[in-house]
Amino acid sequence: MINYFGYGAMSSAESMRDVIGRIPDGIPGTLSGMKLCIQKLDELPKATQEILHRKWPADFRSYTLVPQVGSSLVGMLWAITPEERNMIEKWELVDTGWYQVAAVQVKAENGEVVDATTEIMGPNQSYSFEVDGGHYSKLLNAEEDRARIAKEVREGI
């Protein structure tokens, strides 16, 4: 199994179900050394924009992580399979350069520090806003859109 740190929508059990097809075992956790930011569609790599424009409304926004000493955010530490990790990378459009997979250490709710993987902002990108990583809404976009699009991606539609 792989420990995956999900933040934003990926900290939601419903999002995990929609993206990987099941709700994995999970525990809340805190990731230090990263600040939580919001990107708008026009701040993403062109290849990512082209894909997202086909499925999402023009007001699409997404959370991203940027390394910053002294910052932290809460999310979920999920136990997933390597195949499920690949499904998340496909959902997060890692191959377009939007995100980079990063090895991180997460302090689980039970106090244990766990090695995990997550996504951080790819190079040569900007963001619009910084967000309080301790108190934020999981979803920035309509839940119905996320559920529909995640199913399409998972099923290869």
Protein backbone atom coordinates (compact mmCIF):
# COMPACT_ATOMS: atom_id res chain seq x y z
CA MET A 1 0.00 0.00 0.00
CA ILE A 2 1.00 3.62 -0.57
CA ASN A 3 0.29 6.49 1.81
CA TYR A 4 -1.27 9.33 -0.16
CA PHE A 5 -1.84 12.79 1.32
CA GLY A 6 -4.98 14.26 -0.17
CA TYR A 7 -5.82 17.93 0.23
CA GLY A 8 -8.70 20.01 -1.11
CA ALA A 9 -11.13 17.79 -2.99
CA MET A 10 -8.82 14.80 -2.57
CA SER A 11 -9.29 14.99 1.21
CA SER A 12 -12.95 14.15 0.63
CA ALA A 13 -14.08 10.52 0.82
CA GLU A 14 -16.57 11.23 -1.98
CA SER A 15 -13.82 12.53 -4.27
CA MET A 16 -11.66 9.50 -3.59
CA ARG A 17 -14.61 7.24 -4.39
CA ASP A 18 -15.27 9.11 -7.63
CA VAL A 19 -11.60 9.12 -8.72
CA ILE A 20 -10.42 5.62 -7.70
CA GLY A 21 -13.73 3.79 -7.39
CA ARG A 22 -13.70 3.20 -3.63
CA ILE A 23 -13.23 4.96 -0.32
CA PRO A 24 -9.87 3.83 1.10
CA ASP A 25 -8.94 3.71 4.77
CA GLY A 26 -7.86 7.16 5.86
CA ILE A 27 -6.86 9.29 8.83
CA PRO A 28 -6.61 13.08 9.12
CA GLY A 29 -3.09 14.47 8.97
CA THR A 30 -1.06 17.66 8.80
CA LEU A 31 1.58 18.41 6.18
CA SER A 32 4.19 20.97 7.22
CA GLY A 33 6.44 23.00 4.93
CA MET A 34 3.81 23.66 2.27
CA LYS A 35 1.41 26.55 1.74
CA LEU A 36 -2.01 25.99 0.23
CA CYS A 37 -2.80 28.19 -2.77
CA ILE A 38 -5.54 28.56 -5.38
CA GLN A 39 -4.89 28.54 -9.11
CA LYS A 40 -7.28 29.75 -11.79
CA LEU A 41 -7.54 28.10 -15.18
CA ASP A 42 -5.41 30.74 -16.93
CA GLU A 43 -2.52 30.14 -14.50
CA LEU A 44 -2.12 26.49 -15.50
CA PRO A 45 0.14 25.05 -18.22
CA LYS A 46 -1.36 25.41 -21.71
CA ALA A 47 -1.68 21.63 -22.16
CA THR A 48 -3.61 21.42 -18.88
CA GLN A 49 -5.85 24.35 -19.85
CA GLU A 50 -6.76 22.69 -23.14
CA ILE A 51 -7.89 19.52 -21.39
CA LEU A 52 -9.77 21.28 -18.59
CA HIS A 53 -11.54 23.70 -20.97
CA ARG A 54 -13.26 20.71 -22.59
CA LYS A 55 -14.81 19.49 -19.32
CA TRP A 56 -14.92 22.26 -16.72
CA PRO A 57 -16.61 25.68 -16.65
CA ALA A 58 -14.48 28.79 -17.28
CA ASP A 59 -14.51 29.68 -13.56
CA PHE A 60 -12.62 26.46 -12.66
CA ARG A 61 -10.21 26.82 -9.73
CA SER A 62 -7.93 24.34 -8.01
CA TYR A 63 -5.82 24.04 -4.90
CA THR A 64 -2.09 23.57 -5.24
CA LEU A 65 0.84 23.31 -2.84
CA VAL A 66 3.93 25.47 -2.84
CA PRO A 67 6.90 24.73 -0.54
CA GLN A 68 7.19 27.29 2.26
CA VAL A 69 8.92 26.84 5.60
CA GLY A 70 6.58 27.54 8.51
CA SER A 71 3.36 26.81 6.58
CA SER A 72 1.14 23.77 6.98
CA LEU A 73 -2.19 22.36 5.94
CA VAL A 74 -4.62 19.68 7.00
CA GLY A 75 -5.81 16.89 4.77
CA MET A 76 -6.31 13.14 4.71
CA LEU A 77 -3.73 10.38 4.71
CA TRP A 78 -5.17 7.61 2.53
CA ALA A 79 -3.90 4.01 2.15
CA ILE A 80 -4.08 3.24 -1.59
CA THR A 81 -2.65 0.75 -4.08
CA PRO A 82 -0.06 1.64 -6.74
CA GLU A 83 -2.79 1.30 -9.39
CA GLU A 84 -4.97 3.77 -7.48
CA ARG A 85 -2.02 6.17 -7.22
CA ASN A 86 -1.74 6.02 -11.02
CA MET A 87 -5.47 6.80 -11.28
CA ILE A 88 -5.00 9.87 -9.07
CA GLU A 89 -2.04 11.03 -11.18
CA LYS A 90 -4.21 10.70 -14.29
CA TRP A 91 -7.01 12.69 -12.59
CA GLU A 92 -4.53 15.38 -11.49
CA LEU A 93 -3.06 15.60 -15.04
CA VAL A 94 0.47 15.11 -13.71
CA ASP A 95 1.68 14.22 -17.21
CA THR A 96 0.79 17.75 -18.46
CA GLY A 97 3.16 19.38 -15.97
CA TRP A 98 0.38 20.84 -13.84
CA TYR A 99 1.49 18.97 -10.75
CA GLN A 100 4.61 17.18 -9.66
CA VAL A 101 4.51 14.12 -7.44
CA ALA A 102 6.35 14.82 -4.19
CA ALA A 103 7.50 12.63 -1.32
CA VAL A 104 6.40 14.19 1.97
CA GLN A 105 6.12 13.42 5.66
CA VAL A 106 2.70 13.83 7.25
CA LYS A 107 1.88 13.95 10.93
CA ALA A 108 -1.16 11.72 11.32
CA GLU A 109 -3.91 12.56 13.78
CA ASN A 110 -2.58 9.82 16.08
CA GLY A 111 0.80 11.63 16.29
CA GLU A 112 2.71 9.22 14.04
CA VAL A 113 4.86 10.78 11.29
CA VAL A 114 4.29 8.90 8.05
CA ASP A 115 6.06 8.95 4.68
CA ALA A 116 3.56 9.73 1.94
CA THR A 117 3.18 11.06 -1.57
CA THR A 118 1.17 14.04 -2.81
CA GLU A 119 1.09 16.58 -5.63
CA ILE A 120 2.69 20.04 -5.58
CA MET A 121 2.59 22.86 -8.14
CA GLY A 122 4.70 22.20 -11.22
CA PRO A 123 7.42 24.60 -12.41
CA ASN A 124 6.83 27.96 -14.14
CA GLN A 125 3.32 28.47 -12.79
CA SER A 126 1.64 31.11 -10.69
CA TYR A 127 -1.26 31.17 -8.28
CA SER A 128 -3.87 33.76 -7.34
CA PHE A 129 -4.39 33.32 -3.63
CA GLU A 130 -2.89 31.80 -0.52
CA VAL A 131 -5.34 29.99 1.73
CA ASP A 132 -5.35 29.19 5.46
CA GLY A 133 -4.31 25.53 5.33
CA GLY A 134 -5.91 24.86 8.70
CA HIS A 135 -9.38 26.05 7.71
CA TYR A 136 -10.49 25.75 4.11
CA SER A 137 -13.36 24.42 2.03
CA LYS A 138 -12.58 21.04 0.46
CA LEU A 139 -14.32 21.86 -2.79
CA LEU A 140 -13.74 24.87 -5.04
CA ASN A 141 -15.88 23.63 -7.93
CA ALA A 142 -19.35 22.12 -8.22
CA GLU A 143 -19.53 18.65 -6.70
CA GLU A 144 -21.75 17.45 -9.56
CA ASP A 145 -19.09 18.44 -12.11
CA ARG A 146 -16.35 16.70 -10.13
CA ALA A 147 -18.35 13.50 -9.76
CA ARG A 148 -19.30 13.37 -13.44
CA ILE A 149 -15.83 14.20 -14.78
CA ALA A 150 -14.07 11.83 -12.35
CA LYS A 151 -16.27 8.97 -13.50
CA GLU A 152 -15.52 9.80 -17.13
CA VAL A 153 -11.76 9.87 -16.46
CA ARG A 154 -11.87 6.63 -14.43
CA GLU A 155 -13.88 4.86 -17.12
CA GLY A 156 -11.80 6.29 -19.98
CA ILE A 157 -14.70 8.19 -21.56
